[in-house]
C-alpha atoms as a PDB file:
ATOM      1  CA  MET A   1       0.000   0.000   0.000  1.00  0.00           C
ATOM      2  CA  LYS A   2       1.186   3.495  -0.811  1.00  0.00           C
ATOM      3  CA  LYS A   3       2.000   5.698   2.197  1.00  0.00           C
ATOM      4  CA  PHE A   4      -0.214   8.559   1.069  1.00  0.00           C
ATOM      5  CA  LEU A   5      -3.317   6.363   0.900  1.00  0.00           C
ATOM      6  CA  LYS A   6      -3.322   5.353   4.593  1.00  0.00           C
ATOM      7  CA  GLN A   7      -6.227   3.074   3.731  1.00  0.00           C
ATOM      8  CA  GLU A   8      -6.602   0.299   1.208  1.00  0.00           C
ATOM      9  CA  PRO A   9      -8.730   1.184  -1.819  1.00  0.00           C
ATOM     10  CA  ASP A  10     -12.105  -0.525  -2.169  1.00  0.00           C
ATOM     11  CA  ILE A  11     -11.956  -2.857  -5.167  1.00  0.00           C
ATOM     12  CA  VAL A  12     -15.050  -4.502  -6.634  1.00  0.00           C
ATOM     13  CA  VAL A  13     -15.070  -6.784  -9.658  1.00  0.00           C
ATOM     14  CA  THR A  14     -18.451  -6.906 -11.347  1.00  0.00           C
ATOM     15  CA  PRO A  15     -20.007 -10.083 -12.768  1.00  0.00           C
ATOM     16  CA  ALA A  16     -19.229  -8.725 -16.257  1.00  0.00           C
ATOM     17  CA  GLY A  17     -15.539  -8.460 -15.310  1.00  0.00           C
ATOM     18  CA  HIS A  18     -15.219  -4.696 -14.850  1.00  0.00           C
ATOM     19  CA  LYS A  19     -12.993  -3.644 -11.963  1.00  0.00           C
ATOM     20  CA  LEU A  20     -14.072  -0.601  -9.940  1.00  0.00           C
ATOM     21  CA  THR A  21     -11.507   0.911  -7.585  1.00  0.00           C
ATOM     22  CA  ILE A  22     -12.564   3.588  -5.110  1.00  0.00           C
ATOM     23  CA  ILE A  23      -9.966   5.448  -3.048  1.00  0.00           C
ATOM     24  CA  PRO A  24     -11.889   6.558   0.068  1.00  0.00           C
ATOM     25  CA  ARG A  25      -9.219   9.056   1.142  1.00  0.00           C
ATOM     26  CA  PHE A  26      -9.654  10.984  -2.119  1.00  0.00           C
ATOM     27  CA  CYS A  27     -13.476  10.908  -2.107  1.00  0.00           C
ATOM     28  CA  LYS A  28     -15.155  13.977  -0.627  1.00  0.00           C
ATOM     29  CA  GLY A  29     -18.697  12.638  -1.091  1.00  0.00           C
ATOM     30  CA  CYS A  30     -19.763  15.203  -3.682  1.00  0.00           C
ATOM     31  CA  GLU A  31     -21.984  12.590  -5.417  1.00  0.00           C
ATOM     32  CA  ILE A  32     -21.061  13.722  -8.927  1.00  0.00           C
ATOM     33  CA  CYS A  33     -20.136  10.171  -9.927  1.00  0.00           C
ATOM     34  CA  ILE A  34     -23.463   8.926  -8.544  1.00  0.00           C
ATOM     35  CA  SER A  35     -25.350  11.545 -10.571  1.00  0.00           C
ATOM     36  CA  PHE A  36     -23.670  10.627 -13.853  1.00  0.00           C
ATOM     37  CA  CYS A  37     -23.979   6.852 -13.478  1.00  0.00           C
ATOM     38  CA  PRO A  38     -26.739   5.806 -15.911  1.00  0.00           C
ATOM     39  CA  ARG A  39     -27.335   2.457 -14.159  1.00  0.00           C
ATOM     40  CA  ASN A  40     -27.387   3.477 -10.456  1.00  0.00           C
ATOM     41  CA  VAL A  41     -24.316   1.390  -9.614  1.00  0.00           C
ATOM     42  CA  LEU A  42     -22.939   3.753  -6.964  1.00  0.00           C
ATOM     43  CA  ALA A  43     -24.324   5.099  -3.687  1.00  0.00           C
ATOM     44  CA  LEU A  44     -23.154   7.252  -0.794  1.00  0.00           C
ATOM     45  CA  ASP A  45     -22.324   5.330   2.383  1.00  0.00           C
ATOM     46  CA  SER A  46     -24.338   6.884   5.221  1.00  0.00           C
ATOM     47  CA  LYS A  47     -21.634   6.178   7.821  1.00  0.00           C
ATOM     48  CA  THR A  48     -18.477   7.277   6.019  1.00  0.00           C
ATOM     49  CA  LEU A  49     -20.077   9.717   3.545  1.00  0.00           C
ATOM     50  CA  LYS A  50     -17.916   8.174   0.818  1.00  0.00           C
ATOM     51  CA  VAL A  51     -18.995   6.554  -2.435  1.00  0.00           C
ATOM     52  CA  ARG A  52     -19.414   2.795  -2.523  1.00  0.00           C
ATOM     53  CA  VAL A  53     -20.528   0.244  -5.113  1.00  0.00           C
ATOM     54  CA  LEU A  54     -24.155  -0.658  -4.462  1.00  0.00           C
ATOM     55  CA  ASN A  55     -25.191  -2.633  -7.574  1.00  0.00           C
ATOM     56  CA  PRO A  56     -22.083  -4.110  -9.237  1.00  0.00           C
ATOM     57  CA  GLU A  57     -24.165  -6.356 -11.489  1.00  0.00           C
ATOM     58  CA  ARG A  58     -25.593  -3.272 -13.233  1.00  0.00           C
ATOM     59  CA  CYS A  59     -22.208  -1.783 -14.229  1.00  0.00           C
ATOM     60  CA  THR A  60     -21.579  -1.596 -17.981  1.00  0.00           C
ATOM     61  CA  GLY A  61     -18.051  -0.205 -17.703  1.00  0.00           C
ATOM     62  CA  CYS A  62     -19.003   3.116 -19.336  1.00  0.00           C
ATOM     63  CA  ARG A  63     -16.489   4.955 -17.080  1.00  0.00           C
ATOM     64  CA  LEU A  64     -18.683   8.067 -16.671  1.00  0.00           C
ATOM     65  CA  CYS A  65     -18.104   7.954 -12.915  1.00  0.00           C
ATOM     66  CA  GLU A  66     -14.341   7.984 -13.451  1.00  0.00           C
ATOM     67  CA  LEU A  67     -14.438  10.719 -16.073  1.00  0.00           C
ATOM     68  CA  TYR A  68     -16.559  13.110 -13.992  1.00  0.00           C
ATOM     69  CA  CYS A  69     -14.947  12.537 -10.577  1.00  0.00           C
ATOM     70  CA  PRO A  70     -13.168  15.811  -9.742  1.00  0.00           C
ATOM     71  CA  ASP A  71     -10.943  14.155  -7.136  1.00  0.00           C
ATOM     72  CA  PHE A  72      -9.733  11.093  -9.081  1.00  0.00           C
ATOM     73  CA  ALA A  73     -11.236   8.866  -6.400  1.00  0.00           C
ATOM     74  CA  ILE A  74     -12.725   6.220  -8.690  1.00  0.00           C
ATOM     75  CA  PHE A  75     -11.171   4.182 -11.476  1.00  0.00           C
ATOM     76  CA  VAL A  76     -12.781   1.672 -13.812  1.00  0.00           C
ATOM     77  CA  GLU A  77     -10.936  -1.029 -15.701  1.00  0.00           C
ATOM     78  CA  THR A  78     -13.251  -2.435 -18.321  1.00  0.00           C
ATOM     79  CA  ALA A  79     -13.311  -6.150 -18.925  1.00  0.00           C
ATOM     80  CA  LYS A  80     -11.162  -7.372 -21.761  1.00  0.00           C
ATOM     81  CA  LYS A  81     -13.245  -8.424 -24.724  1.00  0.00           C
ATOM     82  CA  THR A  82     -12.228 -11.781 -26.069  1.00  0.00           C
ATOM     83  CA  ALA A  83     -11.922 -11.893 -29.810  1.00  0.00           C
ATOM     84  CA  LYS A  84     -13.825 -14.764 -31.351  1.00  0.00           C
ATOM     85  CA  VAL A  85     -11.790 -16.527 -33.941  1.00  0.00           C
ATOM     86  CA  ALA A  86     -13.762 -17.948 -36.801  1.00  0.00           C
ATOM     87  CA  VAL A  87     -12.775 -21.480 -37.595  1.00  0.00           C
ATOM     88  CA  ALA A  88     -12.836 -22.365 -41.247  1.00  0.00           C
ATOM     89  CA  GLU A  89     -14.596 -25.625 -41.834  1.00  0.00           C
ATOM     90  CA  GLY A  90     -13.524 -28.037 -44.565  1.00  0.00           C
ATOM     91  CA  VAL A  91     -12.387 -25.864 -47.445  1.00  0.00           C
END
């Protein structure tokens, strides 16, 4: 863990394979990421007043939360798409 974090980041891997990383120390609870999420994946934790992942199964990996976060507190790694290789049959 990096010294400046002082707390491990919250990492959630969605069923679709997207990885959401939230750095609680950077989050100020402004809710901008929650507002821009089209699928209501994120919510504000009532105890810590920090963002948390509420519905990971709804995440599409659009990265709007990451792009609009003014404090760089959330990062999204989209799942790698596997390329389907067409198999030529009996030429």
